Amino acid sequence: MGNRCESAICESRAEAAVSAIWHHIGDGQHYCGCRDAPGAGFEVRHDDDEQSVLVTPENIRISKKAFVAALQYLVEHDHDHHEPCPVRSNSHPLRAGPLCRATRDANANVRCIDYILPILASRRIVHLDDGPPARTWLTHVFLHTEPHAPAP
C-alpha cells in the first residue's frame, strides 16, 4: 500500500466498509470455519440491538466495532498482498497476535478474529490464507473501491 493513513481516516474507511455489508452478513448465513476445524462452520444472526451479531453454535456475540477494528488494524499497518498479517489467534491474550488482540479489545475481551476474517473474506474485503501460519490481507476490492452496499 505504501501510504499509512491517519487514524481518523482509517477508522472512517473501515466503518464505511463494515456498514456497507452489515445487514448482508447475518440472518442465518453459514460461513466456513478455520483450518483447525475442517468441516466446522458457523452461522451468524443479527442481534436485536443491530450493533452486534451472534455466532452459533458457539453463542459468541461480536460487536460491529470489532469488525471495524480488524479492518482499521490492517489498513494502519499496510497489510496488503505484499505484506500479509499473521493472524496469531489465541485464547490467551499474551500469546495472541496484535490483530487478534485489536478485535478482542473491541469485543469486551472475547476472542472473535476466527469468525470476523471468514465473514470479511466472504465479502472479498480481506483474503484469508489458512497457512500454516494463518495470514490475512486487504484485497484489491477494499483498497481500490468505495464501500457501498452490495446488490440484494
N, C-alpha and C. Protein backbone atom coordinates (compact mmCIF):
# COMPACT_ATOMS: atom_id res chain seq x y z
N MET A 1 0.83 -1.18 0.00
CA MET A 1 0.00 0.00 0.00
C MET A 1 0.86 1.23 0.00
N GLY A 2 1.82 1.25 0.88
CA GLY A 2 2.80 2.32 0.85
C GLY A 2 2.38 3.64 1.42
N ASN A 3 1.14 3.82 1.87
CA ASN A 3 0.76 5.09 2.43
C ASN A 3 -0.10 4.86 3.67
N ARG A 4 0.49 5.13 4.80
CA ARG A 4 -0.25 4.98 6.05
C ARG A 4 -1.24 6.14 6.15
N CYS A 5 -2.40 5.82 6.65
CA CYS A 5 -3.39 6.88 6.80
C CYS A 5 -3.47 7.32 8.24
N GLU A 6 -4.03 8.50 8.44
CA GLU A 6 -4.24 8.98 9.80
C GLU A 6 -5.33 8.11 10.42
N SER A 7 -5.27 7.95 11.71
CA SER A 7 -6.18 7.05 12.42
C SER A 7 -7.64 7.37 12.12
N ALA A 8 -8.02 8.63 12.13
CA ALA A 8 -9.41 9.01 11.89
C ALA A 8 -9.86 8.61 10.49
N ILE A 9 -8.98 8.76 9.50
CA ILE A 9 -9.32 8.40 8.13
C ILE A 9 -9.44 6.88 8.01
N CYS A 10 -8.51 6.16 8.61
CA CYS A 10 -8.57 4.69 8.60
C CYS A 10 -9.86 4.20 9.23
N GLU A 11 -10.22 4.77 10.38
CA GLU A 11 -11.42 4.33 11.08
C GLU A 11 -12.66 4.64 10.24
N SER A 12 -12.70 5.80 9.61
CA SER A 12 -13.83 6.17 8.77
C SER A 12 -13.99 5.21 7.60
N ARG A 13 -12.90 4.87 6.96
CA ARG A 13 -12.91 3.93 5.82
C ARG A 13 -13.36 2.55 6.28
N ALA A 14 -12.84 2.11 7.43
CA ALA A 14 -13.22 0.81 7.97
C ALA A 14 -14.69 0.79 8.37
N GLU A 15 -15.16 1.84 9.02
CA GLU A 15 -16.57 1.93 9.41
C GLU A 15 -17.49 1.90 8.20
N ALA A 16 -17.11 2.62 7.15
CA ALA A 16 -17.93 2.64 5.93
C ALA A 16 -18.01 1.25 5.30
N ALA A 17 -16.90 0.54 5.26
CA ALA A 17 -16.89 -0.80 4.67
C ALA A 17 -17.76 -1.76 5.48
N VAL A 18 -17.64 -1.71 6.79
CA VAL A 18 -18.45 -2.60 7.63
C VAL A 18 -19.93 -2.24 7.54
N SER A 19 -20.24 -0.95 7.55
CA SER A 19 -21.64 -0.53 7.42
C SER A 19 -22.24 -0.99 6.10
N ALA A 20 -21.44 -1.00 5.05
CA ALA A 20 -21.94 -1.40 3.73
C ALA A 20 -22.33 -2.87 3.66
N ILE A 21 -21.70 -3.69 4.48
CA ILE A 21 -22.00 -5.13 4.43
C ILE A 21 -22.81 -5.61 5.63
N TRP A 22 -22.99 -4.78 6.65
CA TRP A 22 -23.51 -5.21 7.93
C TRP A 22 -24.82 -6.00 7.83
N HIS A 23 -25.77 -5.52 7.07
CA HIS A 23 -27.08 -6.19 7.01
C HIS A 23 -27.07 -7.39 6.06
N HIS A 24 -25.94 -7.65 5.43
CA HIS A 24 -25.84 -8.77 4.50
C HIS A 24 -25.07 -9.96 5.07
N ILE A 25 -24.59 -9.82 6.29
CA ILE A 25 -23.75 -10.90 6.84
C ILE A 25 -24.48 -11.79 7.82
N GLY A 26 -25.67 -11.42 8.24
CA GLY A 26 -26.37 -12.19 9.25
C GLY A 26 -27.52 -13.00 8.69
N ASP A 27 -28.58 -13.07 9.48
CA ASP A 27 -29.80 -13.77 9.11
C ASP A 27 -29.57 -15.23 8.79
N GLY A 28 -28.76 -15.88 9.61
CA GLY A 28 -28.56 -17.32 9.48
C GLY A 28 -27.60 -17.74 8.39
N GLN A 29 -26.83 -16.82 7.85
CA GLN A 29 -25.86 -17.20 6.82
C GLN A 29 -24.79 -18.11 7.42
N HIS A 30 -24.41 -19.10 6.64
CA HIS A 30 -23.41 -20.08 7.08
C HIS A 30 -22.04 -19.70 6.51
N TYR A 31 -21.02 -19.79 7.34
CA TYR A 31 -19.65 -19.50 6.95
C TYR A 31 -18.77 -20.68 7.28
N CYS A 32 -17.71 -20.86 6.50
CA CYS A 32 -16.77 -21.94 6.75
C CYS A 32 -15.89 -21.59 7.94
N GLY A 33 -15.55 -22.61 8.71
CA GLY A 33 -14.69 -22.40 9.87
C GLY A 33 -13.23 -22.34 9.46
N CYS A 34 -12.39 -22.28 10.44
CA CYS A 34 -10.95 -22.17 10.21
C CYS A 34 -10.34 -23.53 9.90
N ARG A 35 -9.10 -23.54 9.50
CA ARG A 35 -8.39 -24.77 9.11
C ARG A 35 -8.22 -25.73 10.28
N ASP A 36 -8.25 -25.20 11.50
CA ASP A 36 -8.06 -26.06 12.66
C ASP A 36 -9.25 -26.98 12.91
N ALA A 37 -10.38 -26.64 12.31
CA ALA A 37 -11.58 -27.45 12.49
C ALA A 37 -12.21 -27.71 11.13
N PRO A 38 -11.59 -28.57 10.31
CA PRO A 38 -12.12 -28.83 8.98
C PRO A 38 -13.57 -29.29 9.03
N GLY A 39 -14.37 -28.74 8.14
CA GLY A 39 -15.77 -29.09 8.09
C GLY A 39 -16.60 -28.31 9.09
N ALA A 40 -15.93 -27.69 10.05
CA ALA A 40 -16.67 -26.90 11.03
C ALA A 40 -17.08 -25.59 10.39
N GLY A 41 -18.20 -25.13 10.78
CA GLY A 41 -18.68 -23.86 10.27
C GLY A 41 -19.49 -23.17 11.34
N PHE A 42 -20.01 -22.04 10.99
CA PHE A 42 -20.80 -21.29 11.95
C PHE A 42 -21.84 -20.47 11.21
N GLU A 43 -22.87 -20.07 11.93
CA GLU A 43 -23.91 -19.21 11.39
C GLU A 43 -23.87 -17.89 12.12
N VAL A 44 -24.34 -16.86 11.44
CA VAL A 44 -24.36 -15.53 12.01
C VAL A 44 -25.78 -14.99 11.96
N ARG A 45 -26.22 -14.47 13.07
CA ARG A 45 -27.54 -13.83 13.17
C ARG A 45 -27.36 -12.45 13.79
N HIS A 46 -28.16 -11.52 13.33
CA HIS A 46 -28.09 -10.17 13.92
C HIS A 46 -28.76 -10.16 15.28
N ASP A 47 -28.16 -9.40 16.16
CA ASP A 47 -28.73 -9.19 17.49
C ASP A 47 -29.85 -8.17 17.39
N ASP A 48 -30.63 -8.07 18.43
CA ASP A 48 -31.73 -7.11 18.45
C ASP A 48 -31.25 -5.67 18.40
N ASP A 49 -30.07 -5.39 18.96
CA ASP A 49 -29.61 -4.01 19.04
C ASP A 49 -28.92 -3.51 17.77
N GLU A 50 -28.73 -4.40 16.78
CA GLU A 50 -28.12 -4.05 15.50
C GLU A 50 -26.65 -3.65 15.59
N GLN A 51 -26.06 -3.68 16.78
CA GLN A 51 -24.65 -3.30 16.92
C GLN A 51 -23.75 -4.52 17.14
N SER A 52 -24.36 -5.70 17.07
CA SER A 52 -23.57 -6.91 17.21
C SER A 52 -24.27 -8.05 16.48
N VAL A 53 -23.51 -9.11 16.25
CA VAL A 53 -24.06 -10.32 15.66
C VAL A 53 -23.80 -11.47 16.62
N LEU A 54 -24.60 -12.52 16.49
CA LEU A 54 -24.45 -13.70 17.32
C LEU A 54 -23.98 -14.83 16.44
N VAL A 55 -22.86 -15.46 16.83
CA VAL A 55 -22.30 -16.59 16.11
C VAL A 55 -22.77 -17.86 16.80
N THR A 56 -23.39 -18.75 16.02
CA THR A 56 -23.84 -20.03 16.56
C THR A 56 -23.17 -21.15 15.80
N PRO A 57 -22.91 -22.28 16.37
CA PRO A 57 -23.43 -22.75 17.65
C PRO A 57 -22.61 -22.31 18.86
N GLU A 58 -21.58 -21.51 18.67
CA GLU A 58 -20.70 -21.13 19.78
C GLU A 58 -21.33 -20.11 20.74
N ASN A 59 -22.39 -19.42 20.29
CA ASN A 59 -23.04 -18.38 21.08
C ASN A 59 -22.08 -17.28 21.50
N ILE A 60 -21.31 -16.83 20.53
CA ILE A 60 -20.37 -15.72 20.76
C ILE A 60 -20.95 -14.47 20.11
N ARG A 61 -21.00 -13.42 20.88
CA ARG A 61 -21.50 -12.14 20.38
C ARG A 61 -20.30 -11.34 19.88
N ILE A 62 -20.42 -10.80 18.65
CA ILE A 62 -19.33 -10.00 18.09
C ILE A 62 -19.87 -8.61 17.75
N SER A 63 -19.22 -7.61 18.29
CA SER A 63 -19.66 -6.23 18.07
C SER A 63 -19.26 -5.75 16.68
N LYS A 64 -20.03 -4.82 16.18
CA LYS A 64 -19.70 -4.17 14.92
C LYS A 64 -18.34 -3.48 15.03
N LYS A 65 -18.05 -2.96 16.21
CA LYS A 65 -16.76 -2.28 16.46
C LYS A 65 -15.58 -3.23 16.26
N ALA A 66 -15.76 -4.52 16.55
CA ALA A 66 -14.68 -5.49 16.38
C ALA A 66 -14.36 -5.69 14.90
N PHE A 67 -15.39 -5.69 14.05
CA PHE A 67 -15.16 -5.78 12.60
C PHE A 67 -14.39 -4.55 12.12
N VAL A 68 -14.80 -3.39 12.61
CA VAL A 68 -14.11 -2.13 12.26
C VAL A 68 -12.66 -2.18 12.73
N ALA A 69 -12.44 -2.68 13.94
CA ALA A 69 -11.08 -2.75 14.49
C ALA A 69 -10.18 -3.63 13.63
N ALA A 70 -10.72 -4.73 13.11
CA ALA A 70 -9.92 -5.62 12.26
C ALA A 70 -9.47 -4.88 11.00
N LEU A 71 -10.40 -4.22 10.33
CA LEU A 71 -10.04 -3.50 9.10
C LEU A 71 -9.12 -2.33 9.40
N GLN A 72 -9.40 -1.63 10.46
CA GLN A 72 -8.56 -0.48 10.82
C GLN A 72 -7.13 -0.94 11.08
N TYR A 73 -6.96 -2.04 11.79
CA TYR A 73 -5.63 -2.55 12.06
C TYR A 73 -4.91 -2.89 10.75
N LEU A 74 -5.59 -3.58 9.85
CA LEU A 74 -4.96 -3.99 8.58
C LEU A 74 -4.58 -2.77 7.73
N VAL A 75 -5.43 -1.75 7.73
CA VAL A 75 -5.13 -0.53 6.96
C VAL A 75 -3.96 0.22 7.59
N GLU A 76 -4.02 0.44 8.89
CA GLU A 76 -2.98 1.22 9.57
C GLU A 76 -1.60 0.57 9.47
N HIS A 77 -1.56 -0.76 9.32
CA HIS A 77 -0.28 -1.46 9.26
C HIS A 77 0.08 -1.94 7.86
N ASP A 78 -0.62 -1.39 6.87
CA ASP A 78 -0.29 -1.64 5.46
C ASP A 78 -0.30 -3.12 5.08
N HIS A 79 -1.28 -3.85 5.55
CA HIS A 79 -1.33 -5.28 5.23
C HIS A 79 -2.12 -5.53 3.95
N ASP A 80 -1.39 -5.56 2.84
CA ASP A 80 -1.95 -5.95 1.56
C ASP A 80 -1.27 -7.26 1.15
N HIS A 81 -1.44 -7.68 -0.10
CA HIS A 81 -0.88 -8.97 -0.51
C HIS A 81 0.65 -9.00 -0.50
N HIS A 82 1.27 -7.82 -0.50
CA HIS A 82 2.73 -7.77 -0.41
C HIS A 82 3.24 -7.94 1.02
N GLU A 83 2.37 -7.64 1.99
CA GLU A 83 2.76 -7.73 3.40
C GLU A 83 1.60 -8.31 4.22
N PRO A 84 1.37 -9.62 4.11
CA PRO A 84 0.27 -10.25 4.85
C PRO A 84 0.46 -10.13 6.36
N CYS A 85 -0.65 -10.13 7.05
CA CYS A 85 -0.65 -10.04 8.51
C CYS A 85 -0.83 -11.42 9.11
N PRO A 86 0.08 -11.86 9.97
CA PRO A 86 -0.13 -13.13 10.67
C PRO A 86 -1.33 -12.99 11.61
N VAL A 87 -2.24 -13.95 11.56
CA VAL A 87 -3.45 -13.86 12.37
C VAL A 87 -3.14 -14.10 13.85
N ARG A 88 -2.41 -15.15 14.16
CA ARG A 88 -1.98 -15.48 15.52
C ARG A 88 -3.13 -15.42 16.53
N SER A 89 -4.21 -16.10 16.19
CA SER A 89 -5.35 -16.19 17.09
C SER A 89 -5.00 -17.11 18.25
N ASN A 90 -5.35 -16.68 19.45
CA ASN A 90 -5.06 -17.50 20.62
C ASN A 90 -6.01 -17.09 21.74
N SER A 91 -6.48 -18.05 22.49
CA SER A 91 -7.38 -17.76 23.62
C SER A 91 -6.67 -16.99 24.73
N HIS A 92 -5.37 -17.17 24.83
CA HIS A 92 -4.60 -16.47 25.86
C HIS A 92 -4.14 -15.13 25.28
N PRO A 93 -4.58 -14.02 25.85
CA PRO A 93 -4.26 -12.70 25.28
C PRO A 93 -2.76 -12.44 25.09
N LEU A 94 -1.92 -12.95 25.97
CA LEU A 94 -0.49 -12.69 25.84
C LEU A 94 0.15 -13.49 24.71
N ARG A 95 -0.50 -14.55 24.27
CA ARG A 95 0.02 -15.36 23.16
C ARG A 95 -0.60 -14.95 21.83
N ALA A 96 -1.64 -14.15 21.88
CA ALA A 96 -2.34 -13.71 20.67
C ALA A 96 -1.55 -12.62 19.95
N GLY A 97 -1.71 -12.57 18.65
CA GLY A 97 -1.07 -11.52 17.86
C GLY A 97 -1.82 -10.21 17.97
N PRO A 98 -1.25 -9.14 17.46
CA PRO A 98 -1.87 -7.82 17.59
C PRO A 98 -3.22 -7.68 16.89
N LEU A 99 -3.42 -8.37 15.77
CA LEU A 99 -4.73 -8.31 15.10
C LEU A 99 -5.79 -8.98 15.97
N CYS A 100 -5.47 -10.13 16.51
CA CYS A 100 -6.38 -10.84 17.41
C CYS A 100 -6.70 -9.98 18.63
N ARG A 101 -5.69 -9.35 19.21
CA ARG A 101 -5.90 -8.50 20.38
C ARG A 101 -6.72 -7.26 20.05
N ALA A 102 -6.51 -6.67 18.88
CA ALA A 102 -7.27 -5.48 18.49
C ALA A 102 -8.76 -5.77 18.42
N THR A 103 -9.11 -6.91 17.83
CA THR A 103 -10.53 -7.25 17.73
C THR A 103 -11.08 -7.66 19.09
N ARG A 104 -10.30 -8.37 19.87
CA ARG A 104 -10.73 -8.77 21.21
C ARG A 104 -10.98 -7.53 22.07
N ASP A 105 -10.09 -6.54 21.99
CA ASP A 105 -10.26 -5.31 22.77
C ASP A 105 -11.54 -4.58 22.40
N ALA A 106 -11.95 -4.68 21.15
CA ALA A 106 -13.18 -4.02 20.70
C ALA A 106 -14.41 -4.88 20.93
N ASN A 107 -14.22 -6.06 21.51
CA ASN A 107 -15.31 -7.01 21.69
C ASN A 107 -15.38 -7.53 23.13
N ALA A 108 -15.23 -6.65 24.08
CA ALA A 108 -15.36 -6.99 25.50
C ALA A 108 -14.45 -8.15 25.91
N ASN A 109 -13.24 -8.18 25.35
CA ASN A 109 -12.23 -9.19 25.66
C ASN A 109 -12.63 -10.62 25.28
N VAL A 110 -13.50 -10.75 24.29
CA VAL A 110 -13.88 -12.06 23.78
C VAL A 110 -13.20 -12.26 22.43
N ARG A 111 -12.47 -13.37 22.29
CA ARG A 111 -11.78 -13.67 21.02
C ARG A 111 -12.80 -13.84 19.90
N CYS A 112 -12.57 -13.15 18.79
CA CYS A 112 -13.55 -13.17 17.71
C CYS A 112 -12.93 -13.15 16.31
N ILE A 113 -11.62 -13.04 16.20
CA ILE A 113 -10.97 -12.91 14.90
C ILE A 113 -11.22 -14.14 14.02
N ASP A 114 -11.39 -15.31 14.62
CA ASP A 114 -11.62 -16.53 13.86
C ASP A 114 -12.97 -16.53 13.14
N TYR A 115 -13.86 -15.64 13.53
CA TYR A 115 -15.16 -15.51 12.88
C TYR A 115 -15.19 -14.28 11.97
N ILE A 116 -14.55 -13.22 12.42
CA ILE A 116 -14.55 -11.98 11.62
C ILE A 116 -13.88 -12.19 10.27
N LEU A 117 -12.72 -12.82 10.26
CA LEU A 117 -11.98 -12.97 8.99
C LEU A 117 -12.73 -13.79 7.94
N PRO A 118 -13.31 -14.94 8.26
CA PRO A 118 -14.07 -15.65 7.23
C PRO A 118 -15.26 -14.85 6.70
N ILE A 119 -15.89 -14.07 7.59
CA ILE A 119 -17.02 -13.23 7.14
C ILE A 119 -16.53 -12.16 6.18
N LEU A 120 -15.45 -11.46 6.55
CA LEU A 120 -14.90 -10.42 5.67
C LEU A 120 -14.37 -11.02 4.37
N ALA A 121 -13.80 -12.21 4.45
CA ALA A 121 -13.29 -12.88 3.24
C ALA A 121 -14.44 -13.25 2.31
N SER A 122 -15.58 -13.63 2.87
CA SER A 122 -16.74 -13.97 2.03
C SER A 122 -17.25 -12.77 1.26
N ARG A 123 -17.00 -11.58 1.77
CA ARG A 123 -17.41 -10.33 1.11
C ARG A 123 -16.27 -9.75 0.27
N ARG A 124 -15.16 -10.48 0.16
CA ARG A 124 -13.98 -10.10 -0.62
C ARG A 124 -13.32 -8.81 -0.14
N ILE A 125 -13.42 -8.57 1.16
CA ILE A 125 -12.77 -7.41 1.75
C ILE A 125 -11.35 -7.77 2.18
N VAL A 126 -11.19 -8.98 2.70
CA VAL A 126 -9.87 -9.50 3.03
C VAL A 126 -9.68 -10.83 2.33
N HIS A 127 -8.43 -11.21 2.21
CA HIS A 127 -8.10 -12.57 1.76
C HIS A 127 -7.58 -13.29 3.00
N LEU A 128 -7.98 -14.54 3.15
CA LEU A 128 -7.55 -15.32 4.30
C LEU A 128 -6.82 -16.55 3.80
N ASP A 129 -5.56 -16.65 4.17
CA ASP A 129 -4.72 -17.80 3.84
C ASP A 129 -4.57 -18.61 5.12
N ASP A 130 -5.16 -19.80 5.12
CA ASP A 130 -5.16 -20.62 6.33
C ASP A 130 -3.79 -21.14 6.73
N GLY A 131 -2.81 -20.99 5.84
CA GLY A 131 -1.43 -21.34 6.19
C GLY A 131 -1.20 -22.82 6.36
N PRO A 132 -0.40 -23.27 7.27
CA PRO A 132 0.14 -22.52 8.40
C PRO A 132 1.35 -21.66 8.04
N PRO A 133 1.56 -20.58 8.71
CA PRO A 133 0.65 -19.95 9.66
C PRO A 133 -0.46 -19.20 8.92
N ALA A 134 -1.58 -19.03 9.59
CA ALA A 134 -2.70 -18.28 9.00
C ALA A 134 -2.29 -16.82 8.82
N ARG A 135 -2.64 -16.28 7.65
CA ARG A 135 -2.32 -14.88 7.34
C ARG A 135 -3.52 -14.25 6.65
N THR A 136 -3.61 -12.94 6.72
CA THR A 136 -4.69 -12.22 6.05
C THR A 136 -4.17 -10.91 5.51
N TRP A 137 -4.90 -10.37 4.54
CA TRP A 137 -4.55 -9.06 3.99
C TRP A 137 -5.77 -8.45 3.33
N LEU A 138 -5.71 -7.14 3.16
CA LEU A 138 -6.78 -6.40 2.48
C LEU A 138 -6.74 -6.72 0.99
N THR A 139 -7.90 -6.86 0.39
CA THR A 139 -7.97 -7.18 -1.02
C THR A 139 -8.02 -5.92 -1.88
N HIS A 140 -7.84 -6.13 -3.16
CA HIS A 140 -7.96 -5.06 -4.14
C HIS A 140 -9.35 -4.42 -4.05
N VAL A 141 -10.36 -5.23 -3.81
CA VAL A 141 -11.73 -4.73 -3.71
C VAL A 141 -11.83 -3.68 -2.61
N PHE A 142 -11.24 -3.96 -1.45
CA PHE A 142 -11.30 -2.98 -0.36
C PHE A 142 -10.42 -1.78 -0.65
N LEU A 143 -9.22 -2.04 -1.15
CA LEU A 143 -8.25 -0.97 -1.31
C LEU A 143 -8.58 0.02 -2.42
N HIS A 144 -9.30 -0.44 -3.45
CA HIS A 144 -9.46 0.40 -4.63
C HIS A 144 -10.89 0.67 -5.04
N THR A 145 -11.84 0.43 -4.15
CA THR A 145 -13.22 0.79 -4.45
C THR A 145 -13.82 1.50 -3.25
N GLU A 146 -14.80 2.31 -3.52
CA GLU A 146 -15.52 2.97 -2.45
C GLU A 146 -16.52 1.97 -1.88
N PRO A 147 -16.66 1.94 -0.57
CA PRO A 147 -17.60 0.99 0.01
C PRO A 147 -19.03 1.36 -0.38
N HIS A 148 -19.81 0.35 -0.69
CA HIS A 148 -21.23 0.53 -0.98
C HIS A 148 -21.93 -0.79 -0.69
N ALA A 149 -23.19 -0.68 -0.50
CA ALA A 149 -23.96 -1.89 -0.19
C ALA A 149 -24.04 -2.77 -1.41
N PRO A 150 -23.80 -4.06 -1.24
CA PRO A 150 -23.91 -4.98 -2.38
C PRO A 150 -25.36 -5.11 -2.83
N ALA A 151 -25.53 -5.49 -4.06
CA ALA A 151 -26.88 -5.68 -4.58
C ALA A 151 -27.58 -6.79 -3.82
N PRO A 152 -28.87 -6.63 -3.53
CA PRO A 152 -29.58 -7.67 -2.78
C PRO A 152 -29.68 -8.96 -3.55
